[in-house]
């Protein structure tokens, strides 16, 4: 009994958490279990809280947490795509940097890629947009449109080019995330790029 008391004293539970701590803990849980299979109790336990009060100081509902995460992740991705497009003129260069970013995120922050690929926004957004209609992916679609226009990408519907290209990229990332491909994402980056770009490049 005394030993148990000592252990409790050595690992005191938190009373206050920051908004960012709530979001990061929720991201891991949503990525692992999905939105519906994650409860506020799960989040409370992951944060080491006794009650939901610390969470409620920042967010009133699980839905509000998921909405904030969605906005944060997609805003950040949109900014990154803007930076990539400013740095590079050719579609091949822009797409290579987008792929580099996604593979790096898969290794360094896999929960973000899990959220992008697998968490269904219609479960928590009142007016969900399809992935291709988000600001970030609209900008990526324009890369394909410009690539077709400039003769870098073969003369097919840009949406088909997008589908061929990201079908390969997303499947490889999914296989890294679920362990089907046992090495780091970076280990497969060169092969993924050659295969995906080869599927759409004008020859």
N, C-alpha and C. Protein backbone atom coordinates (compact mmCIF):
# COMPACT_ATOMS: atom_id res chain seq x y z
N UNK A 1 0.83 -1.21 0.00
CA UNK A 1 0.00 0.00 0.00
C UNK A 1 0.86 1.25 0.00
N UNK A 2 1.90 1.24 0.87
CA UNK A 2 2.81 2.39 0.93
C UNK A 2 3.52 2.58 -0.40
N UNK A 3 3.90 1.46 -1.04
CA UNK A 3 4.58 1.54 -2.33
C UNK A 3 3.68 2.15 -3.38
N UNK A 4 2.37 1.75 -3.38
CA UNK A 4 1.43 2.31 -4.34
C UNK A 4 1.26 3.80 -4.13
N UNK A 5 1.23 4.22 -2.87
CA UNK A 5 1.10 5.64 -2.56
C UNK A 5 2.31 6.41 -3.06
N UNK A 6 3.51 5.81 -2.88
CA UNK A 6 4.73 6.46 -3.35
C UNK A 6 4.70 6.61 -4.87
N UNK A 7 4.21 5.58 -5.59
CA UNK A 7 4.15 5.64 -7.05
C UNK A 7 3.20 6.73 -7.50
N UNK A 8 2.07 6.88 -6.81
CA UNK A 8 1.12 7.93 -7.16
C UNK A 8 1.73 9.30 -6.95
N UNK A 9 2.50 9.44 -5.89
CA UNK A 9 3.13 10.72 -5.59
C UNK A 9 4.21 11.05 -6.61
N UNK A 10 4.85 9.99 -7.15
CA UNK A 10 5.93 10.22 -8.12
C UNK A 10 5.38 10.58 -9.50
N UNK A 11 4.12 10.21 -9.79
CA UNK A 11 3.54 10.49 -11.11
C UNK A 11 2.24 11.28 -10.94
N UNK A 12 2.36 12.52 -10.47
CA UNK A 12 1.16 13.32 -10.28
C UNK A 12 0.45 13.61 -11.60
N UNK A 13 -0.88 13.66 -11.56
CA UNK A 13 -1.63 13.94 -12.77
C UNK A 13 -1.68 15.44 -13.02
N UNK A 14 -1.79 15.78 -14.28
CA UNK A 14 -1.83 17.19 -14.67
C UNK A 14 -3.19 17.80 -14.34
N UNK A 15 -3.18 19.11 -14.20
CA UNK A 15 -4.43 19.84 -14.04
C UNK A 15 -4.66 20.80 -15.20
N UNK A 16 -3.56 21.26 -15.81
CA UNK A 16 -3.66 22.21 -16.91
C UNK A 16 -2.86 21.70 -18.11
N UNK A 17 -3.42 21.89 -19.28
CA UNK A 17 -2.72 21.57 -20.53
C UNK A 17 -2.94 22.71 -21.50
N UNK A 18 -2.02 22.85 -22.44
CA UNK A 18 -2.16 23.89 -23.45
C UNK A 18 -3.05 23.40 -24.59
N UNK A 19 -3.51 24.34 -25.39
CA UNK A 19 -4.32 23.99 -26.55
C UNK A 19 -3.54 23.10 -27.50
N UNK A 20 -2.26 23.39 -27.68
CA UNK A 20 -1.44 22.59 -28.59
C UNK A 20 -1.26 21.17 -28.08
N UNK A 21 -1.15 21.00 -26.76
CA UNK A 21 -1.04 19.65 -26.19
C UNK A 21 -2.31 18.85 -26.44
N UNK A 22 -3.45 19.51 -26.33
CA UNK A 22 -4.73 18.85 -26.60
C UNK A 22 -4.77 18.40 -28.07
N UNK A 23 -4.38 19.30 -28.97
CA UNK A 23 -4.43 18.99 -30.39
C UNK A 23 -3.48 17.85 -30.76
N UNK A 24 -2.28 17.87 -30.20
CA UNK A 24 -1.30 16.83 -30.52
C UNK A 24 -1.74 15.47 -30.00
N UNK A 25 -2.30 15.44 -28.80
CA UNK A 25 -2.79 14.17 -28.25
C UNK A 25 -3.97 13.65 -29.06
N UNK A 26 -4.86 14.57 -29.45
CA UNK A 26 -6.02 14.17 -30.26
C UNK A 26 -5.58 13.66 -31.62
N UNK A 27 -4.60 14.31 -32.21
CA UNK A 27 -4.10 13.88 -33.52
C UNK A 27 -3.62 12.43 -33.47
N UNK A 28 -2.87 12.08 -32.43
CA UNK A 28 -2.37 10.71 -32.31
C UNK A 28 -3.51 9.72 -32.15
N UNK A 29 -4.51 10.09 -31.36
CA UNK A 29 -5.63 9.19 -31.13
C UNK A 29 -6.50 9.04 -32.38
N UNK A 30 -6.79 10.16 -33.05
CA UNK A 30 -7.59 10.10 -34.27
C UNK A 30 -6.88 9.28 -35.34
N UNK A 31 -5.56 9.48 -35.45
CA UNK A 31 -4.79 8.75 -36.46
C UNK A 31 -4.78 7.25 -36.17
N UNK A 32 -4.71 6.90 -34.90
CA UNK A 32 -4.63 5.49 -34.52
C UNK A 32 -6.00 4.80 -34.53
N UNK A 33 -7.02 5.47 -33.97
CA UNK A 33 -8.31 4.83 -33.74
C UNK A 33 -9.44 5.32 -34.63
N UNK A 34 -9.22 6.45 -35.31
CA UNK A 34 -10.30 7.07 -36.05
C UNK A 34 -11.05 8.05 -35.18
N UNK A 35 -11.82 8.93 -35.81
CA UNK A 35 -12.55 9.96 -35.08
C UNK A 35 -13.64 9.34 -34.20
N UNK A 36 -14.49 8.48 -34.77
CA UNK A 36 -15.62 7.93 -34.02
C UNK A 36 -15.17 7.05 -32.85
N UNK A 37 -14.05 6.38 -33.01
CA UNK A 37 -13.59 5.45 -31.98
C UNK A 37 -12.71 6.11 -30.93
N UNK A 38 -12.63 7.43 -30.96
CA UNK A 38 -11.90 8.18 -29.94
C UNK A 38 -12.90 8.98 -29.11
N UNK A 39 -12.79 8.88 -27.81
CA UNK A 39 -13.69 9.63 -26.92
C UNK A 39 -12.91 10.69 -26.17
N UNK A 40 -13.64 11.62 -25.56
CA UNK A 40 -12.99 12.63 -24.73
C UNK A 40 -12.32 11.98 -23.52
N UNK A 41 -12.87 10.86 -23.07
CA UNK A 41 -12.24 10.13 -21.97
C UNK A 41 -10.88 9.58 -22.40
N UNK A 42 -10.82 9.06 -23.63
CA UNK A 42 -9.53 8.60 -24.16
C UNK A 42 -8.53 9.74 -24.19
N UNK A 43 -9.00 10.90 -24.63
CA UNK A 43 -8.12 12.07 -24.72
C UNK A 43 -7.68 12.53 -23.34
N UNK A 44 -8.61 12.55 -22.41
CA UNK A 44 -8.29 12.93 -21.03
C UNK A 44 -7.21 12.01 -20.48
N UNK A 45 -7.36 10.71 -20.68
CA UNK A 45 -6.39 9.75 -20.17
C UNK A 45 -5.02 9.92 -20.85
N UNK A 46 -5.05 10.17 -22.16
CA UNK A 46 -3.78 10.35 -22.88
C UNK A 46 -3.03 11.58 -22.39
N UNK A 47 -3.77 12.58 -21.95
CA UNK A 47 -3.16 13.81 -21.45
C UNK A 47 -2.79 13.73 -19.97
N UNK A 48 -3.19 12.66 -19.31
CA UNK A 48 -2.89 12.51 -17.89
C UNK A 48 -3.73 13.40 -17.00
N UNK A 49 -4.96 13.65 -17.42
CA UNK A 49 -5.87 14.51 -16.66
C UNK A 49 -6.86 13.67 -15.85
N UNK A 50 -7.29 14.22 -14.72
CA UNK A 50 -8.31 13.54 -13.91
C UNK A 50 -9.71 13.78 -14.45
N UNK A 51 -9.94 14.96 -14.99
CA UNK A 51 -11.25 15.32 -15.52
C UNK A 51 -11.09 15.97 -16.89
N UNK A 52 -12.22 16.25 -17.54
CA UNK A 52 -12.19 16.90 -18.85
C UNK A 52 -12.05 18.41 -18.76
N UNK A 53 -11.95 18.94 -17.54
CA UNK A 53 -11.94 20.39 -17.37
C UNK A 53 -10.81 21.05 -18.14
N UNK A 54 -9.62 20.45 -18.10
CA UNK A 54 -8.47 21.02 -18.80
C UNK A 54 -8.69 21.08 -20.30
N UNK A 55 -9.40 20.08 -20.84
CA UNK A 55 -9.72 20.08 -22.27
C UNK A 55 -10.76 21.13 -22.58
N UNK A 56 -11.79 21.20 -21.72
CA UNK A 56 -12.91 22.11 -21.96
C UNK A 56 -12.52 23.58 -21.88
N UNK A 57 -11.39 23.87 -21.28
CA UNK A 57 -10.90 25.25 -21.28
C UNK A 57 -10.55 25.71 -22.69
N UNK A 58 -10.24 24.76 -23.55
CA UNK A 58 -9.84 25.09 -24.92
C UNK A 58 -10.90 24.69 -25.94
N UNK A 59 -11.53 23.53 -25.74
CA UNK A 59 -12.50 23.01 -26.70
C UNK A 59 -13.70 22.43 -25.95
N UNK A 60 -14.89 22.73 -26.41
CA UNK A 60 -16.09 22.26 -25.73
C UNK A 60 -16.49 20.84 -26.17
N UNK A 61 -16.10 20.45 -27.39
CA UNK A 61 -16.52 19.15 -27.91
C UNK A 61 -15.37 18.48 -28.65
N UNK A 62 -15.51 17.18 -28.83
CA UNK A 62 -14.55 16.42 -29.65
C UNK A 62 -14.58 16.93 -31.08
N UNK A 63 -15.77 17.27 -31.57
CA UNK A 63 -15.90 17.78 -32.92
C UNK A 63 -15.09 19.05 -33.11
N UNK A 64 -15.13 19.94 -32.12
CA UNK A 64 -14.37 21.20 -32.21
C UNK A 64 -12.88 20.93 -32.28
N UNK A 65 -12.42 19.91 -31.57
CA UNK A 65 -11.00 19.55 -31.60
C UNK A 65 -10.62 19.06 -33.00
N UNK A 66 -11.44 18.18 -33.56
CA UNK A 66 -11.16 17.64 -34.89
C UNK A 66 -11.20 18.74 -35.94
N UNK A 67 -12.13 19.66 -35.82
CA UNK A 67 -12.22 20.78 -36.77
C UNK A 67 -10.97 21.66 -36.70
N UNK A 68 -10.50 21.93 -35.48
CA UNK A 68 -9.30 22.74 -35.32
C UNK A 68 -8.08 22.03 -35.90
N UNK A 69 -7.99 20.73 -35.69
CA UNK A 69 -6.88 19.95 -36.26
C UNK A 69 -6.90 19.99 -37.77
N UNK A 70 -8.09 19.78 -38.33
CA UNK A 70 -8.25 19.79 -39.79
C UNK A 70 -7.79 21.13 -40.35
N UNK A 71 -8.23 22.21 -39.74
CA UNK A 71 -7.85 23.55 -40.22
C UNK A 71 -6.35 23.76 -40.11
N UNK A 72 -5.77 23.35 -38.98
CA UNK A 72 -4.34 23.54 -38.76
C UNK A 72 -3.51 22.77 -39.78
N UNK A 73 -3.85 21.52 -40.00
CA UNK A 73 -3.07 20.67 -40.90
C UNK A 73 -3.20 21.14 -42.35
N UNK A 74 -4.42 21.45 -42.77
CA UNK A 74 -4.61 21.84 -44.17
C UNK A 74 -4.09 23.25 -44.45
N UNK A 75 -4.16 24.14 -43.47
CA UNK A 75 -3.57 25.47 -43.64
C UNK A 75 -2.06 25.36 -43.77
N UNK A 76 -1.45 24.54 -42.93
CA UNK A 76 0.00 24.35 -42.99
C UNK A 76 0.42 23.74 -44.32
N UNK A 77 -0.34 22.76 -44.80
CA UNK A 77 -0.02 22.14 -46.09
C UNK A 77 -0.18 23.14 -47.22
N UNK A 78 -1.20 23.96 -47.16
CA UNK A 78 -1.43 24.97 -48.20
C UNK A 78 -0.27 25.96 -48.26
N UNK A 79 0.22 26.38 -47.10
CA UNK A 79 1.36 27.30 -47.04
C UNK A 79 2.61 26.64 -47.62
N UNK A 80 2.81 25.36 -47.29
CA UNK A 80 3.97 24.63 -47.81
C UNK A 80 3.92 24.52 -49.33
N UNK A 81 2.73 24.25 -49.88
CA UNK A 81 2.60 24.15 -51.34
C UNK A 81 2.86 25.50 -51.99
N UNK A 82 2.40 26.58 -51.38
CA UNK A 82 2.70 27.93 -51.89
C UNK A 82 4.21 28.14 -51.97
N UNK A 83 4.92 27.77 -50.90
CA UNK A 83 6.38 27.94 -50.86
C UNK A 83 7.05 27.11 -51.95
N UNK A 84 6.58 25.89 -52.14
CA UNK A 84 7.15 25.00 -53.16
C UNK A 84 6.95 25.59 -54.55
N UNK A 85 5.77 26.11 -54.81
CA UNK A 85 5.48 26.67 -56.14
C UNK A 85 6.29 27.94 -56.39
N UNK A 86 6.56 28.70 -55.36
CA UNK A 86 7.37 29.91 -55.53
C UNK A 86 8.82 29.57 -55.83
N UNK A 87 9.31 28.47 -55.25
CA UNK A 87 10.72 28.12 -55.42
C UNK A 87 11.03 27.47 -56.76
N UNK A 88 10.03 26.88 -57.38
CA UNK A 88 10.27 26.08 -58.58
C UNK A 88 9.34 26.49 -59.71
N UNK A 89 9.85 26.42 -60.94
CA UNK A 89 9.04 26.82 -62.09
C UNK A 89 8.39 25.62 -62.77
N UNK A 90 9.08 24.50 -62.83
CA UNK A 90 8.59 23.36 -63.59
C UNK A 90 7.69 22.46 -62.72
N UNK A 91 6.72 21.84 -63.38
CA UNK A 91 5.81 20.94 -62.67
C UNK A 91 6.57 19.79 -62.01
N UNK A 92 7.57 19.25 -62.71
CA UNK A 92 8.34 18.13 -62.16
C UNK A 92 9.02 18.53 -60.85
N UNK A 93 9.59 19.73 -60.83
CA UNK A 93 10.28 20.21 -59.62
C UNK A 93 9.29 20.42 -58.48
N UNK A 94 8.14 20.99 -58.79
CA UNK A 94 7.13 21.24 -57.77
C UNK A 94 6.59 19.94 -57.20
N UNK A 95 6.26 19.00 -58.08
CA UNK A 95 5.72 17.73 -57.61
C UNK A 95 6.75 16.94 -56.82
N UNK A 96 8.01 17.02 -57.23
CA UNK A 96 9.05 16.31 -56.49
C UNK A 96 9.14 16.84 -55.06
N UNK A 97 9.03 18.16 -54.90
CA UNK A 97 9.10 18.72 -53.55
C UNK A 97 7.86 18.37 -52.72
N UNK A 98 6.70 18.30 -53.37
CA UNK A 98 5.49 17.87 -52.65
C UNK A 98 5.67 16.43 -52.16
N UNK A 99 6.18 15.59 -53.02
CA UNK A 99 6.41 14.19 -52.64
C UNK A 99 7.45 14.11 -51.52
N UNK A 100 8.53 14.87 -51.65
CA UNK A 100 9.55 14.90 -50.59
C UNK A 100 8.91 15.27 -49.25
N UNK A 101 8.04 16.28 -49.26
CA UNK A 101 7.37 16.73 -48.04
C UNK A 101 6.52 15.62 -47.44
N UNK A 102 5.72 14.95 -48.27
CA UNK A 102 4.84 13.90 -47.76
C UNK A 102 5.63 12.72 -47.19
N UNK A 103 6.73 12.36 -47.84
CA UNK A 103 7.53 11.25 -47.34
C UNK A 103 8.25 11.63 -46.05
N UNK A 104 8.71 12.88 -45.96
CA UNK A 104 9.35 13.34 -44.73
C UNK A 104 8.35 13.36 -43.58
N UNK A 105 7.13 13.83 -43.85
CA UNK A 105 6.10 13.84 -42.81
C UNK A 105 5.77 12.42 -42.36
N UNK A 106 5.76 11.48 -43.30
CA UNK A 106 5.45 10.09 -42.95
C UNK A 106 6.47 9.53 -41.97
N UNK A 107 7.72 9.93 -42.12
CA UNK A 107 8.76 9.47 -41.19
C UNK A 107 8.76 10.28 -39.89
N UNK A 108 8.61 11.59 -40.00
CA UNK A 108 8.79 12.46 -38.83
C UNK A 108 7.50 12.75 -38.06
N UNK A 109 6.38 12.75 -38.76
CA UNK A 109 5.09 13.05 -38.12
C UNK A 109 4.00 12.19 -38.76
N UNK A 110 4.09 10.86 -38.58
CA UNK A 110 3.18 9.96 -39.30
C UNK A 110 1.70 10.21 -39.02
N UNK A 111 1.40 10.74 -37.84
CA UNK A 111 -0.01 11.00 -37.50
C UNK A 111 -0.63 12.02 -38.46
N UNK A 112 0.17 12.97 -38.93
CA UNK A 112 -0.35 13.98 -39.85
C UNK A 112 -0.76 13.32 -41.17
N UNK A 113 0.07 12.43 -41.68
CA UNK A 113 -0.23 11.75 -42.94
C UNK A 113 -1.40 10.78 -42.75
N UNK A 114 -1.46 10.12 -41.60
CA UNK A 114 -2.61 9.28 -41.29
C UNK A 114 -3.89 10.12 -41.33
N UNK A 115 -3.84 11.30 -40.74
CA UNK A 115 -5.01 12.18 -40.71
C UNK A 115 -5.39 12.59 -42.13
N UNK A 116 -4.40 12.96 -42.93
CA UNK A 116 -4.66 13.38 -44.32
C UNK A 116 -5.28 12.25 -45.14
N UNK A 117 -4.76 11.05 -44.99
CA UNK A 117 -5.16 9.94 -45.87
C UNK A 117 -6.40 9.20 -45.39
N UNK A 118 -6.58 9.09 -44.07
CA UNK A 118 -7.56 8.12 -43.57
C UNK A 118 -8.68 8.69 -42.70
N UNK A 119 -8.45 9.82 -42.03
CA UNK A 119 -9.52 10.36 -41.18
C UNK A 119 -10.55 11.05 -42.06
N UNK A 120 -11.82 10.68 -41.92
CA UNK A 120 -12.88 11.16 -42.80
C UNK A 120 -13.46 12.47 -42.27
N UNK A 121 -13.27 13.54 -43.03
CA UNK A 121 -13.72 14.85 -42.56
C UNK A 121 -15.23 14.95 -42.44
N UNK A 122 -15.96 14.12 -43.19
CA UNK A 122 -17.43 14.17 -43.11
C UNK A 122 -17.94 13.71 -41.74
N UNK A 123 -17.09 13.08 -40.96
CA UNK A 123 -17.50 12.65 -39.63
C UNK A 123 -17.54 13.79 -38.63
N UNK A 124 -16.87 14.91 -38.93
CA UNK A 124 -16.84 15.99 -37.94
C UNK A 124 -17.04 17.39 -38.53
N UNK A 125 -17.00 17.54 -39.85
CA UNK A 125 -17.25 18.85 -40.45
C UNK A 125 -18.70 18.96 -40.87
N UNK A 126 -19.32 20.10 -40.56
CA UNK A 126 -20.73 20.30 -40.93
C UNK A 126 -20.89 20.34 -42.45
N UNK A 127 -19.95 20.97 -43.14
CA UNK A 127 -19.98 21.06 -44.60
C UNK A 127 -18.64 20.60 -45.16
N UNK A 128 -18.40 19.30 -45.13
CA UNK A 128 -17.09 18.80 -45.56
C UNK A 128 -16.85 19.01 -47.05
N UNK A 129 -15.59 19.28 -47.37
CA UNK A 129 -15.18 19.37 -48.77
C UNK A 129 -14.43 18.11 -49.15
N UNK A 130 -14.62 17.62 -50.37
CA UNK A 130 -13.75 16.54 -50.83
C UNK A 130 -12.29 17.00 -50.78
N UNK A 131 -11.39 16.07 -50.57
CA UNK A 131 -9.97 16.40 -50.44
C UNK A 131 -9.49 17.28 -51.59
N UNK A 132 -9.93 16.97 -52.81
CA UNK A 132 -9.46 17.70 -53.99
C UNK A 132 -9.98 19.13 -54.05
N UNK A 133 -10.96 19.47 -53.21
CA UNK A 133 -11.50 20.83 -53.22
C UNK A 133 -10.95 21.69 -52.09
N UNK A 134 -10.07 21.15 -51.27
CA UNK A 134 -9.42 21.95 -50.24
C UNK A 134 -8.40 22.88 -50.92
N UNK A 135 -8.06 23.96 -50.24
CA UNK A 135 -7.15 24.95 -50.83
C UNK A 135 -5.82 24.32 -51.21
N UNK A 136 -5.27 23.49 -50.32
CA UNK A 136 -3.96 22.88 -50.58
C UNK A 136 -4.00 22.02 -51.84
N UNK A 137 -5.03 21.21 -51.98
CA UNK A 137 -5.06 20.28 -53.11
C UNK A 137 -5.54 20.95 -54.40
N UNK A 138 -6.27 22.05 -54.27
CA UNK A 138 -6.55 22.86 -55.45
C UNK A 138 -5.25 23.39 -56.05
N UNK A 139 -4.33 23.79 -55.18
CA UNK A 139 -3.03 24.30 -55.65
C UNK A 139 -2.22 23.19 -56.29
N UNK A 140 -2.30 21.99 -55.71
CA UNK A 140 -1.59 20.85 -56.31
C UNK A 140 -2.21 20.49 -57.65
N UNK A 141 -3.53 20.56 -57.76
CA UNK A 141 -4.18 20.28 -59.05
C UNK A 141 -3.68 21.24 -60.12
N UNK A 142 -3.46 22.51 -59.74
CA UNK A 142 -2.97 23.49 -60.72
C UNK A 142 -1.58 23.15 -61.23
N UNK A 143 -0.79 22.46 -60.41
CA UNK A 143 0.53 22.01 -60.88
C UNK A 143 0.34 21.05 -62.05
N UNK A 144 -0.61 20.15 -61.93
CA UNK A 144 -0.88 19.19 -63.02
C UNK A 144 -1.44 19.91 -64.24
N UNK A 145 -2.34 20.86 -64.03
CA UNK A 145 -2.89 21.63 -65.15
C UNK A 145 -1.79 22.36 -65.90
N UNK A 146 -0.89 23.00 -65.16
CA UNK A 146 0.21 23.73 -65.79
C UNK A 146 1.18 22.79 -66.48
N UNK A 147 1.39 21.62 -65.87
CA UNK A 147 2.30 20.64 -66.47
C UNK A 147 1.79 20.12 -67.80
N UNK A 148 0.47 19.91 -67.90
CA UNK A 148 -0.13 19.49 -69.17
C UNK A 148 -0.02 20.63 -70.18
N UNK A 149 -0.35 21.83 -69.75
CA UNK A 149 -0.30 23.00 -70.64
C UNK A 149 1.10 23.24 -71.19
N UNK A 150 2.12 23.07 -70.34
CA UNK A 150 3.49 23.37 -70.75
C UNK A 150 4.19 22.18 -71.42
N UNK A 151 3.49 21.06 -71.55
CA UNK A 151 4.07 19.92 -72.25
C UNK A 151 4.97 19.05 -71.42
N UNK A 152 5.01 19.24 -70.11
CA UNK A 152 5.80 18.36 -69.24
C UNK A 152 5.05 17.05 -68.97
N UNK A 153 3.75 17.19 -68.80
CA UNK A 153 2.89 16.04 -68.50
C UNK A 153 2.10 15.71 -69.76
N UNK A 154 1.92 14.43 -70.05
CA UNK A 154 1.26 14.05 -71.29
C UNK A 154 -0.16 14.60 -71.36
N UNK A 155 -0.67 14.72 -72.54
CA UNK A 155 -1.94 15.42 -72.79
C UNK A 155 -3.13 14.56 -72.39
N UNK A 156 -3.34 14.49 -71.08
CA UNK A 156 -4.52 13.81 -70.54
C UNK A 156 -5.22 14.78 -69.60
N UNK A 157 -6.42 14.44 -69.19
CA UNK A 157 -7.13 15.26 -68.22
C UNK A 157 -6.24 15.43 -66.98
N UNK A 158 -6.00 16.66 -66.53
CA UNK A 158 -5.15 16.86 -65.36
C UNK A 158 -5.60 16.09 -64.12
N UNK A 159 -6.91 15.87 -63.99
CA UNK A 159 -7.40 15.08 -62.85
C UNK A 159 -6.99 13.61 -62.97
N UNK A 160 -6.94 13.12 -64.21
CA UNK A 160 -6.44 11.76 -64.40
C UNK A 160 -4.96 11.68 -64.06
N UNK A 161 -4.21 12.69 -64.47
CA UNK A 161 -2.78 12.73 -64.14
C UNK A 161 -2.59 12.74 -62.63
N UNK A 162 -3.40 13.54 -61.95
CA UNK A 162 -3.36 13.60 -60.48
C UNK A 162 -3.64 12.21 -59.89
N UNK A 163 -4.67 11.54 -60.44
CA UNK A 163 -5.06 10.22 -59.93
C UNK A 163 -3.97 9.19 -60.14
N UNK A 164 -3.39 9.16 -61.32
CA UNK A 164 -2.32 8.21 -61.60
C UNK A 164 -1.13 8.46 -60.66
N UNK A 165 -0.75 9.72 -60.55
CA UNK A 165 0.43 10.10 -59.78
C UNK A 165 0.24 9.80 -58.29
N UNK A 166 -0.82 10.36 -57.71
CA UNK A 166 -1.00 10.20 -56.27
C UNK A 166 -1.56 8.84 -55.89
N UNK A 167 -2.12 8.12 -56.85
CA UNK A 167 -2.49 6.74 -56.56
C UNK A 167 -1.27 5.93 -56.14
N UNK A 168 -0.17 6.14 -56.84
CA UNK A 168 1.09 5.45 -56.53
C UNK A 168 1.68 5.98 -55.22
N UNK A 169 1.76 7.30 -55.09
CA UNK A 169 2.37 7.91 -53.91
C UNK A 169 1.59 7.55 -52.65
N UNK A 170 0.27 7.75 -52.68
CA UNK A 170 -0.53 7.51 -51.48
C UNK A 170 -0.54 6.04 -51.07
N UNK A 171 -0.56 5.15 -52.05
CA UNK A 171 -0.54 3.72 -51.72
C UNK A 171 0.76 3.34 -51.05
N UNK A 172 1.87 3.89 -51.54
CA UNK A 172 3.16 3.57 -50.93
C UNK A 172 3.24 4.13 -49.50
N UNK A 173 2.74 5.35 -49.31
CA UNK A 173 2.74 5.93 -47.96
C UNK A 173 1.86 5.10 -47.02
N UNK A 174 0.70 4.68 -47.52
CA UNK A 174 -0.19 3.86 -46.69
C UNK A 174 0.48 2.55 -46.28
N UNK A 175 1.24 1.97 -47.19
CA UNK A 175 1.91 0.70 -46.90
C UNK A 175 3.05 0.88 -45.89
N UNK A 176 3.71 2.04 -45.93
CA UNK A 176 4.71 2.35 -44.91
C UNK A 176 4.03 2.52 -43.55
N UNK A 177 2.92 3.25 -43.54
CA UNK A 177 2.23 3.53 -42.29
C UNK A 177 1.66 2.27 -41.64
N UNK A 178 1.18 1.32 -42.46
CA UNK A 178 0.60 0.11 -41.86
C UNK A 178 1.62 -1.02 -41.67
N UNK A 179 2.87 -0.74 -42.03
CA UNK A 179 3.92 -1.72 -41.80
C UNK A 179 4.12 -2.73 -42.90
N UNK A 180 3.32 -2.65 -43.98
CA UNK A 180 3.51 -3.59 -45.09
C UNK A 180 4.87 -3.38 -45.75
N UNK A 181 5.30 -2.14 -45.81
CA UNK A 181 6.67 -1.83 -46.24
C UNK A 181 7.45 -1.51 -44.96
N UNK A 182 8.44 -2.33 -44.62
CA UNK A 182 9.03 -2.28 -43.28
C UNK A 182 10.05 -1.17 -43.04
N UNK A 183 10.56 -0.55 -44.10
CA UNK A 183 11.59 0.46 -43.91
C UNK A 183 10.97 1.85 -43.78
N UNK A 184 11.82 2.84 -43.58
CA UNK A 184 11.34 4.21 -43.51
C UNK A 184 10.80 4.66 -44.86
N UNK A 185 9.92 5.66 -44.85
CA UNK A 185 9.38 6.18 -46.10
C UNK A 185 10.50 6.67 -47.01
N UNK A 186 11.51 7.28 -46.42
CA UNK A 186 12.62 7.82 -47.21
C UNK A 186 13.29 6.73 -48.04
N UNK A 187 13.29 5.50 -47.53
CA UNK A 187 13.93 4.39 -48.25
C UNK A 187 13.26 4.11 -49.59
N UNK A 188 11.98 4.48 -49.70
CA UNK A 188 11.22 4.20 -50.92
C UNK A 188 10.98 5.44 -51.77
N UNK A 189 11.52 6.57 -51.33
CA UNK A 189 11.21 7.84 -51.99
C UNK A 189 11.63 7.86 -53.45
N UNK A 190 12.87 7.49 -53.74
CA UNK A 190 13.37 7.55 -55.11
C UNK A 190 12.55 6.64 -56.04
N UNK A 191 12.28 5.44 -55.58
CA UNK A 191 11.51 4.49 -56.39
C UNK A 191 10.09 4.99 -56.61
N UNK A 192 9.49 5.55 -55.56
CA UNK A 192 8.12 6.08 -55.67
C UNK A 192 8.07 7.21 -56.68
N UNK A 193 9.06 8.09 -56.62
CA UNK A 193 9.08 9.23 -57.53
C UNK A 193 9.21 8.77 -58.98
N UNK A 194 10.16 7.89 -59.23
CA UNK A 194 10.38 7.41 -60.60
C UNK A 194 9.11 6.76 -61.17
N UNK A 195 8.44 5.96 -60.34
CA UNK A 195 7.24 5.26 -60.81
C UNK A 195 6.09 6.23 -61.04
N UNK A 196 5.86 7.14 -60.08
CA UNK A 196 4.72 8.07 -60.18
C UNK A 196 4.91 9.07 -61.31
N UNK A 197 6.10 9.65 -61.40
CA UNK A 197 6.37 10.62 -62.47
C UNK A 197 6.37 9.91 -63.83
N UNK A 198 6.89 8.70 -63.87
CA UNK A 198 6.89 7.95 -65.12
C UNK A 198 5.50 7.65 -65.65
N UNK A 199 4.51 7.63 -64.75
CA UNK A 199 3.14 7.33 -65.17
C UNK A 199 2.47 8.49 -65.89
N UNK A 200 3.04 9.72 -65.74
CA UNK A 200 2.37 10.89 -66.33
C UNK A 200 3.26 11.74 -67.22
N UNK A 201 4.57 11.54 -67.18
CA UNK A 201 5.47 12.40 -67.93
C UNK A 201 5.26 12.23 -69.44
N UNK A 202 5.37 13.34 -70.17
CA UNK A 202 5.29 13.28 -71.62
C UNK A 202 6.59 12.72 -72.15
N UNK A 203 6.51 11.66 -72.96
CA UNK A 203 7.73 10.99 -73.43
C UNK A 203 7.92 11.23 -74.91
